[in-house]
Amino acid sequence: MKDLSEGPIGLIPYRSANPFEFTHILRDLPACEEQGLFGWLLWPERATRPVPAIVACHGSLGWRGHHHEHMVRALEMGIAVFRVHSFDARQVQSVVEDQMSVTAAMLLTDAYRALELLTTHPAIDAGRIGVTGWSLGGTVALYAGYEPLREALVGAEGPRFAAHLPIYPAAHVTPALPRWTPSPIRVLHGEADDYTPLRFVAGLMPVVEAG
């Protein structure tokens, strides 16, 4: 779909791309391979239109039960959820042992293409669309706040996520240019996490706050 002006819910096919690294988004996005994608737009039963929405990005094992618990809570709060299926669309089940088959840069592109679509939905408040994700998806929710990446994906005047909720992200990249979103970023993490260590988040946050 090119837009959601007819107000669909449920399965939403759309187009994305396959940049391997963040640098490919920044320097050569038009040359990146196109990618067919899909997501599910889940609608809250009780909501006042236009509703807020959140783009949800899964982790390295794809969608898991605890992710759905979070999404159910969002729906109960009257927030629509767009569940991005980055792995299913690329016929991948897991990247736990091979983070190069589907990368954070690809998922970030998927998330921003979803944001562009959601802003065209007549029942969604285009100014209240956030992003969340877990682990690999948390990395996406975090770096979606880096302004040069946003501008490369949707243009300087393009849409911006209204809020970011990264959950145990891998904050392993510290950009040289400190330009970050004015939207709030709230990171949820745990000290016992040895897969995406908390110390990387702690090291990045002063840079984000300065930008």
N, C-alpha and C. Protein backbone atom coordinates (compact mmCIF):
# COMPACT_ATOMS: atom_id res chain seq x y z
N MET A 1 0.83 -1.19 0.00
CA MET A 1 0.00 0.00 0.00
C MET A 1 0.87 1.25 0.00
N LYS A 2 0.42 2.26 -0.72
CA LYS A 2 1.15 3.53 -0.75
C LYS A 2 0.64 4.51 0.30
N ASP A 3 -0.63 4.34 0.71
CA ASP A 3 -1.15 5.17 1.79
C ASP A 3 -2.32 4.43 2.43
N LEU A 4 -2.76 4.96 3.57
CA LEU A 4 -3.85 4.34 4.34
C LEU A 4 -5.05 5.27 4.39
N SER A 5 -5.25 6.05 3.35
CA SER A 5 -6.30 7.06 3.33
C SER A 5 -7.71 6.47 3.42
N GLU A 6 -7.86 5.18 3.09
CA GLU A 6 -9.17 4.54 3.20
C GLU A 6 -9.42 3.96 4.58
N GLY A 7 -8.45 4.10 5.48
CA GLY A 7 -8.64 3.70 6.87
C GLY A 7 -8.60 2.21 7.15
N PRO A 8 -7.74 1.42 6.48
CA PRO A 8 -7.72 -0.02 6.73
C PRO A 8 -7.11 -0.36 8.09
N ILE A 9 -7.48 -1.52 8.60
CA ILE A 9 -6.81 -2.12 9.76
C ILE A 9 -6.47 -3.56 9.39
N GLY A 10 -5.73 -4.25 10.26
CA GLY A 10 -5.34 -5.62 9.96
C GLY A 10 -4.04 -5.67 9.18
N LEU A 11 -3.95 -6.60 8.24
CA LEU A 11 -2.74 -6.82 7.46
C LEU A 11 -2.48 -5.64 6.51
N ILE A 12 -1.29 -5.07 6.59
CA ILE A 12 -0.92 -3.93 5.76
C ILE A 12 0.38 -4.24 5.02
N PRO A 13 0.33 -4.52 3.72
CA PRO A 13 1.57 -4.69 2.95
C PRO A 13 2.14 -3.33 2.55
N TYR A 14 3.45 -3.23 2.52
CA TYR A 14 4.08 -1.97 2.10
C TYR A 14 5.50 -2.25 1.63
N ARG A 15 6.20 -1.20 1.20
CA ARG A 15 7.53 -1.33 0.65
C ARG A 15 8.57 -0.76 1.61
N SER A 16 9.72 -1.43 1.68
CA SER A 16 10.83 -0.95 2.49
C SER A 16 12.11 -1.15 1.68
N ALA A 17 13.24 -1.29 2.36
CA ALA A 17 14.52 -1.46 1.67
C ALA A 17 15.48 -2.23 2.58
N ASN A 18 16.64 -2.59 2.03
CA ASN A 18 17.61 -3.42 2.76
C ASN A 18 18.99 -2.76 2.89
N PRO A 19 19.08 -1.60 3.52
CA PRO A 19 20.42 -1.06 3.81
C PRO A 19 21.10 -1.94 4.85
N PHE A 20 22.36 -2.27 4.63
CA PHE A 20 23.05 -3.19 5.53
C PHE A 20 23.46 -2.51 6.83
N GLU A 21 23.97 -1.30 6.74
CA GLU A 21 24.42 -0.56 7.91
C GLU A 21 23.80 0.83 7.91
N PHE A 22 23.90 1.51 9.05
CA PHE A 22 23.40 2.88 9.13
C PHE A 22 24.08 3.78 8.10
N THR A 23 25.34 3.52 7.81
CA THR A 23 26.05 4.35 6.82
C THR A 23 25.42 4.25 5.44
N HIS A 24 24.82 3.09 5.12
CA HIS A 24 24.16 2.95 3.82
C HIS A 24 22.88 3.78 3.77
N ILE A 25 22.21 3.95 4.91
CA ILE A 25 21.06 4.86 4.96
C ILE A 25 21.52 6.29 4.74
N LEU A 26 22.59 6.65 5.40
CA LEU A 26 23.07 8.03 5.36
C LEU A 26 23.66 8.42 4.01
N ARG A 27 24.31 7.47 3.34
CA ARG A 27 25.09 7.82 2.15
C ARG A 27 24.53 7.31 0.83
N ASP A 28 23.77 6.21 0.87
CA ASP A 28 23.43 5.58 -0.41
C ASP A 28 22.09 4.85 -0.36
N LEU A 29 21.10 5.43 0.31
CA LEU A 29 19.81 4.75 0.45
C LEU A 29 19.14 4.44 -0.88
N PRO A 30 19.14 5.35 -1.88
CA PRO A 30 18.47 5.04 -3.14
C PRO A 30 19.02 3.80 -3.84
N ALA A 31 20.28 3.46 -3.57
CA ALA A 31 20.89 2.30 -4.23
C ALA A 31 20.58 0.99 -3.53
N CYS A 32 19.97 1.05 -2.35
CA CYS A 32 19.70 -0.17 -1.58
C CYS A 32 18.55 -0.96 -2.20
N GLU A 33 18.66 -2.27 -2.11
CA GLU A 33 17.63 -3.17 -2.64
C GLU A 33 16.28 -2.90 -1.99
N GLU A 34 15.23 -2.85 -2.80
CA GLU A 34 13.88 -2.70 -2.26
C GLU A 34 13.44 -4.00 -1.60
N GLN A 35 12.50 -3.89 -0.68
CA GLN A 35 12.03 -5.05 0.07
C GLN A 35 10.53 -4.96 0.28
N GLY A 36 9.81 -6.01 -0.13
CA GLY A 36 8.40 -6.10 0.21
C GLY A 36 8.25 -6.42 1.68
N LEU A 37 7.30 -5.78 2.34
CA LEU A 37 7.16 -5.93 3.78
C LEU A 37 5.69 -5.98 4.15
N PHE A 38 5.40 -6.32 5.39
CA PHE A 38 4.03 -6.20 5.88
C PHE A 38 4.03 -6.01 7.38
N GLY A 39 2.94 -5.50 7.86
CA GLY A 39 2.73 -5.36 9.30
C GLY A 39 1.25 -5.54 9.59
N TRP A 40 0.92 -5.63 10.87
CA TRP A 40 -0.47 -5.74 11.29
C TRP A 40 -0.83 -4.50 12.09
N LEU A 41 -1.87 -3.80 11.64
CA LEU A 41 -2.37 -2.65 12.38
C LEU A 41 -3.47 -3.14 13.32
N LEU A 42 -3.15 -3.14 14.60
CA LEU A 42 -4.07 -3.62 15.64
C LEU A 42 -4.79 -2.42 16.23
N TRP A 43 -6.12 -2.54 16.34
CA TRP A 43 -6.94 -1.39 16.71
C TRP A 43 -7.53 -1.56 18.11
N PRO A 44 -7.46 -0.52 18.95
CA PRO A 44 -8.05 -0.61 20.29
C PRO A 44 -9.57 -0.63 20.22
N GLU A 45 -10.18 -1.41 21.11
CA GLU A 45 -11.64 -1.52 21.12
C GLU A 45 -12.30 -0.22 21.56
N ARG A 46 -11.70 0.42 22.53
CA ARG A 46 -12.27 1.67 23.05
C ARG A 46 -11.26 2.79 22.83
N ALA A 47 -11.59 3.68 21.94
CA ALA A 47 -10.65 4.76 21.64
C ALA A 47 -11.41 5.95 21.08
N THR A 48 -10.89 7.12 21.35
CA THR A 48 -11.43 8.36 20.80
C THR A 48 -10.59 8.75 19.59
N ARG A 49 -11.22 8.85 18.45
CA ARG A 49 -10.48 9.18 17.23
C ARG A 49 -10.21 10.68 17.14
N PRO A 50 -9.08 11.06 16.59
CA PRO A 50 -8.00 10.20 16.09
C PRO A 50 -7.18 9.61 17.24
N VAL A 51 -6.78 8.35 17.07
CA VAL A 51 -6.09 7.64 18.14
C VAL A 51 -4.57 7.82 18.02
N PRO A 52 -3.87 7.77 19.15
CA PRO A 52 -2.40 7.67 19.08
C PRO A 52 -2.02 6.28 18.61
N ALA A 53 -0.81 6.12 18.14
CA ALA A 53 -0.35 4.81 17.65
C ALA A 53 1.10 4.60 18.01
N ILE A 54 1.52 3.35 17.95
CA ILE A 54 2.92 3.02 18.20
C ILE A 54 3.37 1.97 17.19
N VAL A 55 4.54 2.18 16.62
CA VAL A 55 5.17 1.20 15.74
C VAL A 55 6.01 0.27 16.61
N ALA A 56 5.76 -1.03 16.53
CA ALA A 56 6.43 -2.01 17.38
C ALA A 56 7.37 -2.88 16.56
N CYS A 57 8.62 -3.02 17.05
CA CYS A 57 9.67 -3.75 16.34
C CYS A 57 10.19 -4.90 17.20
N HIS A 58 10.24 -6.10 16.66
CA HIS A 58 10.61 -7.28 17.44
C HIS A 58 12.11 -7.40 17.63
N GLY A 59 12.50 -8.39 18.43
CA GLY A 59 13.91 -8.63 18.72
C GLY A 59 14.52 -9.68 17.81
N SER A 60 15.68 -10.19 18.20
CA SER A 60 16.46 -11.09 17.36
C SER A 60 15.83 -12.47 17.18
N LEU A 61 14.85 -12.81 18.01
CA LEU A 61 14.12 -14.07 17.86
C LEU A 61 12.74 -13.87 17.24
N GLY A 62 12.50 -12.69 16.70
CA GLY A 62 11.18 -12.42 16.14
C GLY A 62 10.18 -12.10 17.24
N TRP A 63 8.90 -12.24 16.92
CA TRP A 63 7.85 -11.92 17.89
C TRP A 63 7.72 -13.01 18.94
N ARG A 64 7.70 -12.60 20.22
CA ARG A 64 7.61 -13.52 21.35
C ARG A 64 6.42 -13.13 22.22
N GLY A 65 6.06 -14.04 23.13
CA GLY A 65 4.88 -13.83 23.95
C GLY A 65 4.91 -12.57 24.78
N HIS A 66 6.06 -12.24 25.37
CA HIS A 66 6.10 -11.07 26.24
C HIS A 66 5.95 -9.77 25.45
N HIS A 67 6.31 -9.79 24.17
CA HIS A 67 6.06 -8.61 23.34
C HIS A 67 4.57 -8.35 23.24
N HIS A 68 3.81 -9.41 23.05
CA HIS A 68 2.36 -9.27 22.89
C HIS A 68 1.71 -8.77 24.17
N GLU A 69 2.27 -9.13 25.32
CA GLU A 69 1.73 -8.61 26.57
C GLU A 69 1.83 -7.09 26.61
N HIS A 70 2.95 -6.56 26.16
CA HIS A 70 3.11 -5.10 26.11
C HIS A 70 2.13 -4.49 25.12
N MET A 71 1.95 -5.13 23.96
CA MET A 71 1.05 -4.58 22.95
C MET A 71 -0.40 -4.59 23.42
N VAL A 72 -0.79 -5.64 24.15
CA VAL A 72 -2.14 -5.69 24.70
C VAL A 72 -2.37 -4.53 25.65
N ARG A 73 -1.38 -4.23 26.47
CA ARG A 73 -1.51 -3.10 27.39
C ARG A 73 -1.69 -1.78 26.63
N ALA A 74 -0.96 -1.62 25.55
CA ALA A 74 -1.11 -0.41 24.74
C ALA A 74 -2.52 -0.32 24.17
N LEU A 75 -3.03 -1.43 23.66
CA LEU A 75 -4.39 -1.45 23.11
C LEU A 75 -5.41 -1.12 24.18
N GLU A 76 -5.22 -1.65 25.38
CA GLU A 76 -6.14 -1.36 26.48
C GLU A 76 -6.13 0.11 26.86
N MET A 77 -5.03 0.79 26.58
CA MET A 77 -4.91 2.22 26.86
C MET A 77 -5.45 3.08 25.72
N GLY A 78 -5.98 2.44 24.68
CA GLY A 78 -6.52 3.19 23.55
C GLY A 78 -5.51 3.57 22.50
N ILE A 79 -4.38 2.86 22.47
CA ILE A 79 -3.31 3.15 21.51
C ILE A 79 -3.30 2.08 20.43
N ALA A 80 -3.38 2.47 19.18
CA ALA A 80 -3.25 1.52 18.07
C ALA A 80 -1.80 1.04 18.00
N VAL A 81 -1.62 -0.20 17.55
CA VAL A 81 -0.28 -0.79 17.45
C VAL A 81 -0.05 -1.26 16.02
N PHE A 82 1.06 -0.84 15.43
CA PHE A 82 1.47 -1.37 14.13
C PHE A 82 2.63 -2.33 14.36
N ARG A 83 2.34 -3.62 14.23
CA ARG A 83 3.32 -4.67 14.51
C ARG A 83 4.07 -5.01 13.21
N VAL A 84 5.33 -4.61 13.15
CA VAL A 84 6.14 -4.78 11.94
C VAL A 84 6.70 -6.21 11.88
N HIS A 85 6.56 -6.87 10.73
CA HIS A 85 7.04 -8.25 10.57
C HIS A 85 8.28 -8.26 9.67
N SER A 86 9.37 -7.72 10.20
CA SER A 86 10.60 -7.59 9.42
C SER A 86 11.22 -8.94 9.07
N PHE A 87 11.15 -9.91 9.99
CA PHE A 87 11.73 -11.24 9.73
C PHE A 87 10.85 -12.06 8.80
N ASP A 88 9.56 -12.11 9.09
CA ASP A 88 8.65 -12.92 8.27
C ASP A 88 8.70 -12.49 6.81
N ALA A 89 8.75 -11.19 6.57
CA ALA A 89 8.78 -10.69 5.19
C ALA A 89 10.06 -11.08 4.47
N ARG A 90 11.13 -11.29 5.23
CA ARG A 90 12.42 -11.67 4.64
C ARG A 90 12.71 -13.16 4.80
N GLN A 91 11.73 -13.91 5.27
CA GLN A 91 11.82 -15.36 5.43
C GLN A 91 12.98 -15.75 6.35
N VAL A 92 13.08 -15.04 7.46
CA VAL A 92 14.09 -15.30 8.49
C VAL A 92 13.38 -15.53 9.82
N GLN A 93 13.85 -16.51 10.60
CA GLN A 93 13.23 -16.80 11.89
C GLN A 93 13.98 -16.16 13.05
N SER A 94 15.30 -16.09 12.95
CA SER A 94 16.11 -15.61 14.06
C SER A 94 17.43 -15.07 13.54
N VAL A 95 17.96 -14.06 14.25
CA VAL A 95 19.31 -13.57 13.94
C VAL A 95 20.19 -13.60 15.19
N VAL A 96 19.79 -14.41 16.16
CA VAL A 96 20.54 -14.47 17.42
C VAL A 96 22.00 -14.83 17.17
N GLU A 97 22.24 -15.76 16.24
CA GLU A 97 23.60 -16.20 15.96
C GLU A 97 24.16 -15.59 14.67
N ASP A 98 23.37 -14.78 13.99
CA ASP A 98 23.83 -14.16 12.74
C ASP A 98 23.14 -12.82 12.57
N GLN A 99 23.69 -11.79 13.19
CA GLN A 99 23.06 -10.48 13.17
C GLN A 99 23.20 -9.78 11.81
N MET A 100 23.83 -10.44 10.84
CA MET A 100 24.04 -9.82 9.55
C MET A 100 22.97 -10.20 8.53
N SER A 101 22.12 -11.19 8.83
CA SER A 101 21.12 -11.60 7.85
C SER A 101 19.99 -10.59 7.75
N VAL A 102 19.58 -10.03 8.88
CA VAL A 102 18.64 -8.90 8.90
C VAL A 102 19.19 -7.93 9.95
N THR A 103 19.48 -6.72 9.54
CA THR A 103 20.22 -5.81 10.41
C THR A 103 19.33 -4.72 11.01
N ALA A 104 19.88 -4.02 11.98
CA ALA A 104 19.16 -2.91 12.61
C ALA A 104 18.84 -1.83 11.59
N ALA A 105 19.72 -1.62 10.61
CA ALA A 105 19.46 -0.62 9.58
C ALA A 105 18.24 -0.99 8.74
N MET A 106 18.06 -2.27 8.47
CA MET A 106 16.88 -2.72 7.73
C MET A 106 15.62 -2.50 8.54
N LEU A 107 15.66 -2.89 9.83
CA LEU A 107 14.49 -2.71 10.69
C LEU A 107 14.17 -1.23 10.89
N LEU A 108 15.19 -0.40 10.95
CA LEU A 108 14.96 1.03 11.10
C LEU A 108 14.24 1.59 9.87
N THR A 109 14.64 1.14 8.70
CA THR A 109 13.97 1.55 7.47
C THR A 109 12.52 1.08 7.48
N ASP A 110 12.30 -0.17 7.90
CA ASP A 110 10.94 -0.70 8.01
C ASP A 110 10.08 0.17 8.92
N ALA A 111 10.65 0.59 10.04
CA ALA A 111 9.90 1.38 11.03
C ALA A 111 9.52 2.75 10.47
N TYR A 112 10.45 3.39 9.78
CA TYR A 112 10.14 4.71 9.23
C TYR A 112 9.18 4.64 8.05
N ARG A 113 9.25 3.58 7.27
CA ARG A 113 8.26 3.43 6.20
C ARG A 113 6.87 3.20 6.80
N ALA A 114 6.82 2.49 7.92
CA ALA A 114 5.54 2.30 8.62
C ALA A 114 5.02 3.63 9.15
N LEU A 115 5.91 4.44 9.72
CA LEU A 115 5.51 5.76 10.22
C LEU A 115 4.91 6.60 9.10
N GLU A 116 5.56 6.61 7.95
CA GLU A 116 5.03 7.38 6.82
C GLU A 116 3.62 6.94 6.47
N LEU A 117 3.39 5.62 6.46
CA LEU A 117 2.06 5.10 6.15
C LEU A 117 1.04 5.53 7.19
N LEU A 118 1.38 5.36 8.46
CA LEU A 118 0.43 5.64 9.53
C LEU A 118 0.00 7.10 9.55
N THR A 119 0.87 8.00 9.13
CA THR A 119 0.49 9.42 9.12
C THR A 119 -0.61 9.71 8.11
N THR A 120 -0.88 8.79 7.18
CA THR A 120 -1.93 8.99 6.17
C THR A 120 -3.25 8.37 6.59
N HIS A 121 -3.30 7.69 7.74
CA HIS A 121 -4.54 7.03 8.19
C HIS A 121 -5.46 8.08 8.81
N PRO A 122 -6.69 8.19 8.33
CA PRO A 122 -7.58 9.26 8.80
C PRO A 122 -7.98 9.14 10.27
N ALA A 123 -7.87 7.96 10.86
CA ALA A 123 -8.29 7.76 12.25
C ALA A 123 -7.12 7.75 13.22
N ILE A 124 -5.91 8.03 12.73
CA ILE A 124 -4.71 8.07 13.58
C ILE A 124 -4.21 9.50 13.67
N ASP A 125 -3.86 9.91 14.87
CA ASP A 125 -3.29 11.23 15.10
C ASP A 125 -1.84 11.23 14.63
N ALA A 126 -1.57 11.87 13.51
CA ALA A 126 -0.23 11.83 12.90
C ALA A 126 0.83 12.44 13.80
N GLY A 127 0.43 13.27 14.74
CA GLY A 127 1.39 13.89 15.65
C GLY A 127 1.64 13.10 16.91
N ARG A 128 0.98 11.95 17.05
CA ARG A 128 1.14 11.12 18.26
C ARG A 128 1.43 9.67 17.89
N ILE A 129 2.46 9.46 17.09
CA ILE A 129 2.88 8.12 16.71
C ILE A 129 4.27 7.87 17.30
N GLY A 130 4.37 6.90 18.18
CA GLY A 130 5.64 6.57 18.82
C GLY A 130 6.24 5.30 18.25
N VAL A 131 7.39 4.92 18.78
CA VAL A 131 8.06 3.69 18.35
C VAL A 131 8.60 2.97 19.58
N THR A 132 8.45 1.66 19.58
CA THR A 132 9.01 0.83 20.64
C THR A 132 9.61 -0.43 20.03
N GLY A 133 10.43 -1.11 20.80
CA GLY A 133 11.02 -2.36 20.33
C GLY A 133 11.83 -3.00 21.43
N TRP A 134 12.13 -4.28 21.22
CA TRP A 134 12.81 -5.09 22.22
C TRP A 134 14.14 -5.60 21.65
N SER A 135 15.22 -5.42 22.39
CA SER A 135 16.54 -5.91 21.98
C SER A 135 16.92 -5.32 20.62
N LEU A 136 16.98 -6.11 19.56
CA LEU A 136 17.27 -5.56 18.24
C LEU A 136 16.26 -4.48 17.88
N GLY A 137 14.99 -4.75 18.16
CA GLY A 137 13.96 -3.73 17.93
C GLY A 137 14.12 -2.53 18.83
N GLY A 138 14.65 -2.75 20.04
CA GLY A 138 14.95 -1.63 20.92
C GLY A 138 16.04 -0.75 20.36
N THR A 139 17.02 -1.37 19.71
CA THR A 139 18.07 -0.62 19.03
C THR A 139 17.45 0.29 17.97
N VAL A 140 16.47 -0.25 17.25
CA VAL A 140 15.76 0.53 16.24
C VAL A 140 15.02 1.70 16.88
N ALA A 141 14.29 1.42 17.97
CA ALA A 141 13.53 2.48 18.64
C ALA A 141 14.44 3.57 19.18
N LEU A 142 15.65 3.20 19.57
CA LEU A 142 16.62 4.17 20.07
C LEU A 142 17.19 5.03 18.94
N TYR A 143 17.76 4.37 17.93
CA TYR A 143 18.43 5.12 16.86
C TYR A 143 17.45 5.76 15.87
N ALA A 144 16.17 5.43 15.98
CA ALA A 144 15.16 6.18 15.23
C ALA A 144 15.14 7.64 15.67
N GLY A 145 15.73 7.90 16.83
CA GLY A 145 15.81 9.27 17.32
C GLY A 145 17.02 10.04 16.82
N TYR A 146 17.87 9.41 16.02
CA TYR A 146 19.04 10.10 15.49
C TYR A 146 18.63 10.87 14.24
N GLU A 147 18.67 12.18 14.30
CA GLU A 147 18.11 13.03 13.26
C GLU A 147 18.70 12.81 11.87
N PRO A 148 20.01 12.64 11.68
CA PRO A 148 20.51 12.39 10.33
C PRO A 148 19.92 11.14 9.69
N LEU A 149 19.66 10.09 10.48
CA LEU A 149 19.02 8.90 9.93
C LEU A 149 17.58 9.20 9.53
N ARG A 150 16.85 9.90 10.38
CA ARG A 150 15.47 10.27 10.05
C ARG A 150 15.43 11.08 8.76
N GLU A 151 16.30 12.07 8.66
CA GLU A 151 16.30 12.94 7.49
C GLU A 151 16.65 12.17 6.21
N ALA A 152 17.54 11.19 6.32
CA ALA A 152 17.90 10.38 5.15
C ALA A 152 16.73 9.51 4.71
N LEU A 153 15.91 9.07 5.67
CA LEU A 153 14.81 8.16 5.37
C LEU A 153 13.54 8.87 4.93
N VAL A 154 13.20 9.99 5.55
CA VAL A 154 11.92 10.65 5.25
C VAL A 154 12.07 12.13 4.90
N GLY A 155 13.29 12.64 4.89
CA GLY A 155 13.51 14.05 4.57
C GLY A 155 13.44 14.93 5.81
N ALA A 156 14.06 16.09 5.72
CA ALA A 156 14.11 17.00 6.86
C ALA A 156 12.73 17.43 7.31
N GLU A 157 11.79 17.55 6.38
CA GLU A 157 10.42 17.96 6.71
C GLU A 157 9.49 16.77 6.89
N GLY A 158 10.03 15.57 6.86
CA GLY A 158 9.22 14.37 7.00
C GLY A 158 8.78 14.12 8.43
N PRO A 159 7.99 13.08 8.65
CA PRO A 159 7.46 12.81 9.99
C PRO A 159 8.55 12.41 10.98
N ARG A 160 8.25 12.66 12.23
CA ARG A 160 9.15 12.32 13.34
C ARG A 160 8.35 11.53 14.37
N PHE A 161 8.95 10.51 14.95
CA PHE A 161 8.27 9.79 16.03
C PHE A 161 8.07 10.72 17.22
N ALA A 162 6.89 10.66 17.81
CA ALA A 162 6.54 11.54 18.92
C ALA A 162 7.15 11.09 20.24
N ALA A 163 7.50 9.81 20.33
CA ALA A 163 8.10 9.27 21.56
C ALA A 163 8.83 7.98 21.20
N HIS A 164 9.86 7.65 22.00
CA HIS A 164 10.68 6.46 21.77
C HIS A 164 10.74 5.65 23.06
N LEU A 165 10.42 4.35 22.97
CA LEU A 165 10.50 3.46 24.12
C LEU A 165 11.37 2.25 23.76
N PRO A 166 12.69 2.39 23.77
CA PRO A 166 13.57 1.24 23.52
C PRO A 166 13.64 0.36 24.77
N ILE A 167 13.46 -0.93 24.58
CA ILE A 167 13.50 -1.88 25.69
C ILE A 167 14.72 -2.79 25.49
N TYR A 168 15.62 -2.77 26.44
CA TYR A 168 16.96 -3.39 26.41
C TYR A 168 17.63 -3.32 25.02
N PRO A 169 17.87 -2.09 24.53
CA PRO A 169 18.51 -1.93 23.22
C PRO A 169 20.01 -2.17 23.28
N ALA A 170 20.58 -2.48 22.11
CA ALA A 170 22.04 -2.51 21.96
C ALA A 170 22.48 -1.11 21.53
N ALA A 171 23.00 -0.35 22.46
CA ALA A 171 23.40 1.04 22.17
C ALA A 171 24.89 1.09 21.85
N HIS A 172 25.29 0.34 20.84
CA HIS A 172 26.71 0.13 20.57
C HIS A 172 27.30 1.11 19.56
N VAL A 173 26.49 2.00 19.02
CA VAL A 173 26.97 2.98 18.04
C VAL A 173 26.85 4.38 18.65
N THR A 174 27.95 5.10 18.69
CA THR A 174 27.93 6.49 19.16
C THR A 174 28.26 7.40 17.98
N PRO A 175 27.25 8.03 17.38
CA PRO A 175 27.50 8.87 16.21
C PRO A 175 28.40 10.06 16.54
N ALA A 176 29.20 10.45 15.56
CA ALA A 176 30.11 11.58 15.76
C ALA A 176 29.36 12.90 15.83
N LEU A 177 28.23 12.99 15.10
CA LEU A 177 27.46 14.22 15.06
C LEU A 177 26.31 14.12 16.06
N PRO A 178 26.31 14.90 17.14
CA PRO A 178 25.28 14.77 18.18
C PRO A 178 24.00 15.52 17.84
N ARG A 179 23.20 14.96 16.93
CA ARG A 179 21.92 15.57 16.56
C ARG A 179 20.82 14.57 16.80
N TRP A 180 20.07 14.79 17.87
CA TRP A 180 19.04 13.84 18.28
C TRP A 180 17.67 14.51 18.33
N THR A 181 16.66 13.68 18.27
CA THR A 181 15.28 14.14 18.26
C THR A 181 14.93 14.97 19.50
N PRO A 182 14.03 15.94 19.35
CA PRO A 182 13.50 16.62 20.52
C PRO A 182 12.42 15.81 21.23
N SER A 183 11.97 14.72 20.62
CA SER A 183 10.95 13.86 21.24
C SER A 183 11.55 13.09 22.41
N PRO A 184 10.73 12.75 23.41
CA PRO A 184 11.26 12.02 24.57
C PRO A 184 11.72 10.61 24.23
N ILE A 185 12.82 10.20 24.85
CA ILE A 185 13.34 8.83 24.74
C ILE A 185 13.42 8.25 26.15
N ARG A 186 12.71 7.15 26.39
CA ARG A 186 12.75 6.47 27.68
C ARG A 186 13.26 5.04 27.45
N VAL A 187 14.43 4.72 27.98
CA VAL A 187 15.03 3.40 27.81
C VAL A 187 14.70 2.54 29.01
N LEU A 188 14.19 1.33 28.76
CA LEU A 188 13.97 0.33 29.81
C LEU A 188 15.03 -0.75 29.66
N HIS A 189 15.80 -1.00 30.71
CA HIS A 189 16.91 -1.93 30.63
C HIS A 189 17.09 -2.62 31.97
N GLY A 190 17.96 -3.63 32.02
CA GLY A 190 18.23 -4.34 33.26
C GLY A 190 19.72 -4.55 33.46
N GLU A 191 20.16 -4.44 34.71
CA GLU A 191 21.59 -4.58 35.00
C GLU A 191 22.10 -6.00 34.75
N ALA A 192 21.22 -7.00 34.81
CA ALA A 192 21.65 -8.39 34.63
C ALA A 192 21.78 -8.79 33.15
N ASP A 193 21.41 -7.90 32.24
CA ASP A 193 21.44 -8.21 30.81
C ASP A 193 22.89 -8.27 30.33
N ASP A 194 23.33 -9.46 29.88
CA ASP A 194 24.69 -9.61 29.36
C ASP A 194 24.71 -9.81 27.85
N TYR A 195 23.55 -9.66 27.19
CA TYR A 195 23.47 -9.79 25.74
C TYR A 195 23.51 -8.40 25.08
N THR A 196 22.77 -7.46 25.64
CA THR A 196 22.85 -6.06 25.23
C THR A 196 23.17 -5.24 26.48
N PRO A 197 24.44 -5.17 26.86
CA PRO A 197 24.83 -4.63 28.17
C PRO A 197 24.37 -3.19 28.43
N LEU A 198 23.97 -2.96 29.66
CA LEU A 198 23.48 -1.66 30.08
C LEU A 198 24.54 -0.57 29.95
N ARG A 199 25.81 -0.92 30.06
CA ARG A 199 26.86 0.10 30.06
C ARG A 199 26.91 0.88 28.75
N PHE A 200 26.49 0.25 27.65
CA PHE A 200 26.48 0.97 26.38
C PHE A 200 25.42 2.07 26.38
N VAL A 201 24.26 1.75 26.96
CA VAL A 201 23.21 2.76 27.08
C VAL A 201 23.69 3.90 27.96
N ALA A 202 24.30 3.54 29.09
CA ALA A 202 24.79 4.56 30.03
C ALA A 202 25.82 5.47 29.36
N GLY A 203 26.62 4.90 28.46
CA GLY A 203 27.62 5.70 27.77
C GLY A 203 27.04 6.60 26.70
N LEU A 204 25.93 6.14 26.08
CA LEU A 204 25.34 6.91 24.98
C LEU A 204 24.44 8.04 25.47
N MET A 205 23.76 7.85 26.60
CA MET A 205 22.75 8.81 27.02
C MET A 205 23.25 10.24 27.17
N PRO A 206 24.45 10.47 27.71
CA PRO A 206 24.93 11.86 27.76
C PRO A 206 25.06 12.50 26.37
N VAL A 207 25.40 11.69 25.38
CA VAL A 207 25.51 12.19 24.00
C VAL A 207 24.13 12.56 23.48
N VAL A 208 23.14 11.69 23.75
CA VAL A 208 21.77 11.96 23.31
C VAL A 208 21.24 13.23 23.97
N GLU A 209 21.46 13.35 25.26
CA GLU A 209 20.96 14.52 25.99
C GLU A 209 21.63 15.81 25.51
N ALA A 210 22.88 15.71 25.08
CA ALA A 210 23.59 16.89 24.59
C ALA A 210 23.12 17.31 23.21
N GLY A 211 22.53 16.35 22.47
CA GLY A 211 22.10 16.63 21.10
C GLY A 211 20.71 17.13 21.00
